[in-house]
Amino acid sequence: FNLAQNYPNPFNPTTNIDFNLTKSSQITLTIYNILGEKVRTLVNEKMNAGPQSITWDATNDHGAQVATGVYFYKLESIEGQLQKKMLLIK
């Protein structure tokens, strides 16, 4: 179970988030702003074991573009929680 650093980072307008699941499980991949407020839920579903890649287009849950700044992405599964930081520059 691991979560890679997003790439590119810093990014504009999209970035990729890669992770690896050691077993099939329900996962949630969520983006938070610097204040800890939820910006976007990218994934909330059961996924198969193995490498995964998700692209974020710097939009929130309502489809609006988010501001330049630091964001955090958090992966949660039955195996635990992992979090990393990324930077959006416009």
N, C-alpha and C. Protein backbone atom coordinates (compact mmCIF):
# COMPACT_ATOMS: atom_id res chain seq x y z
N PHE A 1 0.86 -1.17 0.00
CA PHE A 1 0.00 0.00 0.00
C PHE A 1 0.90 1.23 0.00
N ASN A 2 0.86 1.99 -1.09
CA ASN A 2 1.67 3.21 -1.10
C ASN A 2 1.01 4.30 -1.94
N LEU A 3 1.43 5.53 -1.68
CA LEU A 3 0.94 6.71 -2.37
C LEU A 3 2.16 7.48 -2.87
N ALA A 4 2.24 7.67 -4.18
CA ALA A 4 3.39 8.37 -4.77
C ALA A 4 3.16 9.88 -4.77
N GLN A 5 4.26 10.62 -4.92
CA GLN A 5 4.15 12.07 -5.08
C GLN A 5 3.50 12.34 -6.43
N ASN A 6 2.57 13.30 -6.45
CA ASN A 6 1.91 13.64 -7.71
C ASN A 6 2.94 14.16 -8.72
N TYR A 7 2.59 14.07 -9.98
CA TYR A 7 3.47 14.59 -11.04
C TYR A 7 2.62 15.14 -12.17
N PRO A 8 2.98 16.22 -12.80
CA PRO A 8 4.05 17.11 -12.34
C PRO A 8 3.67 17.82 -11.04
N ASN A 9 4.66 18.33 -10.36
CA ASN A 9 4.45 19.09 -9.14
C ASN A 9 5.59 20.09 -9.00
N PRO A 10 5.32 21.38 -9.08
CA PRO A 10 4.03 22.05 -9.19
C PRO A 10 3.35 21.74 -10.53
N PHE A 11 2.03 21.97 -10.57
CA PHE A 11 1.28 21.63 -11.77
C PHE A 11 0.34 22.74 -12.21
N ASN A 12 -0.04 22.66 -13.48
CA ASN A 12 -1.07 23.51 -14.08
C ASN A 12 -1.28 23.00 -15.49
N PRO A 13 -2.41 22.55 -15.93
CA PRO A 13 -3.68 22.55 -15.21
C PRO A 13 -4.05 21.20 -14.61
N THR A 14 -3.27 20.12 -14.94
CA THR A 14 -3.62 18.80 -14.40
C THR A 14 -2.41 18.15 -13.75
N THR A 15 -2.69 17.19 -12.88
CA THR A 15 -1.63 16.41 -12.24
C THR A 15 -2.11 14.97 -12.08
N ASN A 16 -1.16 14.05 -12.01
CA ASN A 16 -1.47 12.63 -11.84
C ASN A 16 -1.10 12.19 -10.44
N ILE A 17 -1.96 11.37 -9.86
CA ILE A 17 -1.73 10.81 -8.53
C ILE A 17 -1.71 9.29 -8.68
N ASP A 18 -0.57 8.69 -8.40
CA ASP A 18 -0.41 7.23 -8.50
C ASP A 18 -0.39 6.62 -7.12
N PHE A 19 -0.98 5.45 -7.02
CA PHE A 19 -0.94 4.69 -5.77
C PHE A 19 -1.02 3.21 -6.09
N ASN A 20 -0.66 2.39 -5.13
CA ASN A 20 -0.66 0.94 -5.31
C ASN A 20 -1.41 0.30 -4.16
N LEU A 21 -2.35 -0.56 -4.49
CA LEU A 21 -3.12 -1.29 -3.48
C LEU A 21 -2.63 -2.73 -3.43
N THR A 22 -2.37 -3.24 -2.23
CA THR A 22 -1.92 -4.62 -2.11
C THR A 22 -3.07 -5.60 -2.13
N LYS A 23 -4.29 -5.09 -1.90
CA LYS A 23 -5.48 -5.94 -1.99
C LYS A 23 -6.66 -5.10 -2.45
N SER A 24 -7.62 -5.77 -3.06
CA SER A 24 -8.83 -5.11 -3.51
C SER A 24 -9.58 -4.55 -2.31
N SER A 25 -9.94 -3.26 -2.37
CA SER A 25 -10.63 -2.65 -1.23
C SER A 25 -11.34 -1.37 -1.62
N GLN A 26 -12.24 -0.94 -0.74
CA GLN A 26 -12.92 0.35 -0.89
C GLN A 26 -11.89 1.44 -0.56
N ILE A 27 -11.75 2.41 -1.45
CA ILE A 27 -10.80 3.49 -1.20
C ILE A 27 -11.48 4.84 -1.41
N THR A 28 -10.90 5.83 -0.76
CA THR A 28 -11.31 7.22 -0.95
C THR A 28 -10.05 8.03 -1.20
N LEU A 29 -10.07 8.83 -2.27
CA LEU A 29 -8.97 9.74 -2.58
C LEU A 29 -9.57 11.14 -2.60
N THR A 30 -9.14 11.97 -1.64
CA THR A 30 -9.74 13.28 -1.44
C THR A 30 -8.69 14.37 -1.48
N ILE A 31 -9.07 15.53 -2.04
CA ILE A 31 -8.20 16.71 -2.10
C ILE A 31 -8.68 17.71 -1.04
N TYR A 32 -7.73 18.27 -0.29
CA TYR A 32 -8.02 19.28 0.74
C TYR A 32 -7.20 20.53 0.46
N ASN A 33 -7.74 21.70 0.85
CA ASN A 33 -6.96 22.93 0.73
C ASN A 33 -6.08 23.10 1.97
N ILE A 34 -5.33 24.19 2.00
CA ILE A 34 -4.38 24.44 3.09
C ILE A 34 -5.08 24.61 4.44
N LEU A 35 -6.38 24.97 4.42
CA LEU A 35 -7.16 25.13 5.65
C LEU A 35 -7.76 23.81 6.13
N GLY A 36 -7.54 22.73 5.36
CA GLY A 36 -8.09 21.43 5.72
C GLY A 36 -9.51 21.21 5.26
N GLU A 37 -10.01 22.11 4.42
CA GLU A 37 -11.38 21.98 3.90
C GLU A 37 -11.37 21.06 2.68
N LYS A 38 -12.36 20.17 2.60
CA LYS A 38 -12.45 19.26 1.45
C LYS A 38 -12.75 20.06 0.19
N VAL A 39 -11.95 19.83 -0.85
CA VAL A 39 -12.11 20.51 -2.13
C VAL A 39 -12.78 19.57 -3.14
N ARG A 40 -12.30 18.33 -3.19
CA ARG A 40 -12.79 17.39 -4.21
C ARG A 40 -12.59 15.96 -3.76
N THR A 41 -13.59 15.13 -3.98
CA THR A 41 -13.45 13.68 -3.82
C THR A 41 -13.20 13.11 -5.20
N LEU A 42 -12.00 12.61 -5.43
CA LEU A 42 -11.65 12.07 -6.74
C LEU A 42 -12.13 10.64 -6.92
N VAL A 43 -12.03 9.84 -5.86
CA VAL A 43 -12.44 8.44 -5.92
C VAL A 43 -13.11 8.07 -4.61
N ASN A 44 -14.23 7.35 -4.71
CA ASN A 44 -14.89 6.77 -3.54
C ASN A 44 -15.56 5.49 -4.02
N GLU A 45 -14.73 4.46 -4.19
CA GLU A 45 -15.24 3.20 -4.76
C GLU A 45 -14.29 2.05 -4.44
N LYS A 46 -14.77 0.84 -4.73
CA LYS A 46 -13.92 -0.34 -4.57
C LYS A 46 -13.01 -0.43 -5.78
N MET A 47 -11.72 -0.64 -5.51
CA MET A 47 -10.74 -0.75 -6.58
C MET A 47 -9.96 -2.05 -6.41
N ASN A 48 -9.48 -2.58 -7.53
CA ASN A 48 -8.70 -3.82 -7.52
C ASN A 48 -7.28 -3.58 -7.03
N ALA A 49 -6.65 -4.64 -6.57
CA ALA A 49 -5.25 -4.58 -6.17
C ALA A 49 -4.39 -4.22 -7.37
N GLY A 50 -3.26 -3.56 -7.09
CA GLY A 50 -2.32 -3.23 -8.14
C GLY A 50 -2.15 -1.73 -8.29
N PRO A 51 -1.35 -1.33 -9.28
CA PRO A 51 -1.09 0.10 -9.49
C PRO A 51 -2.31 0.82 -10.05
N GLN A 52 -2.54 2.04 -9.58
CA GLN A 52 -3.66 2.88 -10.01
C GLN A 52 -3.13 4.28 -10.31
N SER A 53 -3.80 5.00 -11.20
CA SER A 53 -3.43 6.38 -11.50
C SER A 53 -4.71 7.19 -11.72
N ILE A 54 -4.79 8.33 -11.03
CA ILE A 54 -5.94 9.22 -11.12
C ILE A 54 -5.42 10.60 -11.52
N THR A 55 -6.14 11.28 -12.41
CA THR A 55 -5.78 12.63 -12.83
C THR A 55 -6.73 13.63 -12.19
N TRP A 56 -6.16 14.70 -11.64
CA TRP A 56 -6.96 15.79 -11.09
C TRP A 56 -6.79 17.02 -11.98
N ASP A 57 -7.90 17.64 -12.33
CA ASP A 57 -7.89 18.80 -13.24
C ASP A 57 -8.03 20.14 -12.52
N ALA A 58 -7.70 20.18 -11.24
CA ALA A 58 -7.71 21.40 -10.42
C ALA A 58 -9.10 22.03 -10.33
N THR A 59 -10.13 21.16 -10.29
CA THR A 59 -11.49 21.65 -10.07
C THR A 59 -12.02 21.09 -8.76
N ASN A 60 -13.03 21.78 -8.22
CA ASN A 60 -13.64 21.30 -6.98
C ASN A 60 -14.81 20.37 -7.31
N ASP A 61 -15.55 19.95 -6.28
CA ASP A 61 -16.68 19.03 -6.48
C ASP A 61 -17.79 19.64 -7.33
N HIS A 62 -17.81 20.96 -7.48
CA HIS A 62 -18.84 21.64 -8.27
C HIS A 62 -18.37 21.96 -9.69
N GLY A 63 -17.13 21.57 -10.03
CA GLY A 63 -16.60 21.79 -11.37
C GLY A 63 -15.90 23.12 -11.56
N ALA A 64 -15.81 23.93 -10.50
CA ALA A 64 -15.15 25.24 -10.60
C ALA A 64 -13.64 25.08 -10.40
N GLN A 65 -12.86 25.90 -11.11
CA GLN A 65 -11.41 25.89 -10.95
C GLN A 65 -11.04 26.37 -9.54
N VAL A 66 -10.05 25.72 -8.95
CA VAL A 66 -9.58 26.13 -7.63
C VAL A 66 -8.44 27.14 -7.78
N ALA A 67 -8.14 27.85 -6.71
CA ALA A 67 -7.12 28.90 -6.72
C ALA A 67 -5.71 28.32 -6.65
N THR A 68 -4.74 29.11 -7.07
CA THR A 68 -3.34 28.78 -6.90
C THR A 68 -3.07 28.54 -5.42
N GLY A 69 -2.25 27.54 -5.11
CA GLY A 69 -1.91 27.31 -3.72
C GLY A 69 -1.49 25.89 -3.43
N VAL A 70 -1.32 25.61 -2.15
CA VAL A 70 -0.93 24.29 -1.66
C VAL A 70 -2.18 23.47 -1.39
N TYR A 71 -2.16 22.24 -1.84
CA TYR A 71 -3.26 21.30 -1.61
C TYR A 71 -2.69 20.00 -1.08
N PHE A 72 -3.52 19.24 -0.40
CA PHE A 72 -3.14 17.94 0.13
C PHE A 72 -4.04 16.89 -0.48
N TYR A 73 -3.49 15.73 -0.78
CA TYR A 73 -4.31 14.61 -1.23
C TYR A 73 -4.14 13.46 -0.26
N LYS A 74 -5.27 12.84 0.09
CA LYS A 74 -5.30 11.81 1.12
C LYS A 74 -5.94 10.55 0.57
N LEU A 75 -5.25 9.43 0.70
CA LEU A 75 -5.74 8.13 0.29
C LEU A 75 -6.11 7.34 1.53
N GLU A 76 -7.35 6.86 1.58
CA GLU A 76 -7.83 6.07 2.71
C GLU A 76 -8.34 4.73 2.21
N SER A 77 -7.94 3.66 2.90
CA SER A 77 -8.43 2.31 2.59
C SER A 77 -8.40 1.49 3.87
N ILE A 78 -8.78 0.22 3.76
CA ILE A 78 -8.73 -0.65 4.93
C ILE A 78 -7.28 -0.87 5.38
N GLU A 79 -6.33 -0.56 4.50
CA GLU A 79 -4.92 -0.72 4.82
C GLU A 79 -4.34 0.48 5.58
N GLY A 80 -5.08 1.59 5.64
CA GLY A 80 -4.60 2.76 6.36
C GLY A 80 -4.87 4.05 5.60
N GLN A 81 -4.15 5.10 6.00
CA GLN A 81 -4.27 6.42 5.39
C GLN A 81 -2.89 6.95 5.05
N LEU A 82 -2.79 7.58 3.88
CA LEU A 82 -1.55 8.22 3.46
C LEU A 82 -1.90 9.59 2.89
N GLN A 83 -1.01 10.57 3.10
CA GLN A 83 -1.28 11.93 2.63
C GLN A 83 -0.02 12.57 2.09
N LYS A 84 -0.17 13.38 1.05
CA LYS A 84 0.96 14.12 0.48
C LYS A 84 0.51 15.52 0.09
N LYS A 85 1.50 16.36 -0.17
CA LYS A 85 1.26 17.79 -0.48
C LYS A 85 1.59 18.04 -1.96
N MET A 86 0.84 18.99 -2.57
CA MET A 86 1.11 19.39 -3.95
C MET A 86 0.86 20.87 -4.11
N LEU A 87 1.38 21.44 -5.19
CA LEU A 87 1.31 22.87 -5.41
C LEU A 87 0.73 23.17 -6.80
N LEU A 88 -0.35 23.95 -6.83
CA LEU A 88 -0.96 24.40 -8.07
C LEU A 88 -0.50 25.84 -8.33
N ILE A 89 0.09 26.05 -9.50
CA ILE A 89 0.54 27.39 -9.90
C ILE A 89 -0.14 27.75 -11.21
N LYS A 90 -0.81 28.91 -11.20
CA LYS A 90 -1.50 29.35 -12.43
C LYS A 90 -0.74 30.49 -13.06
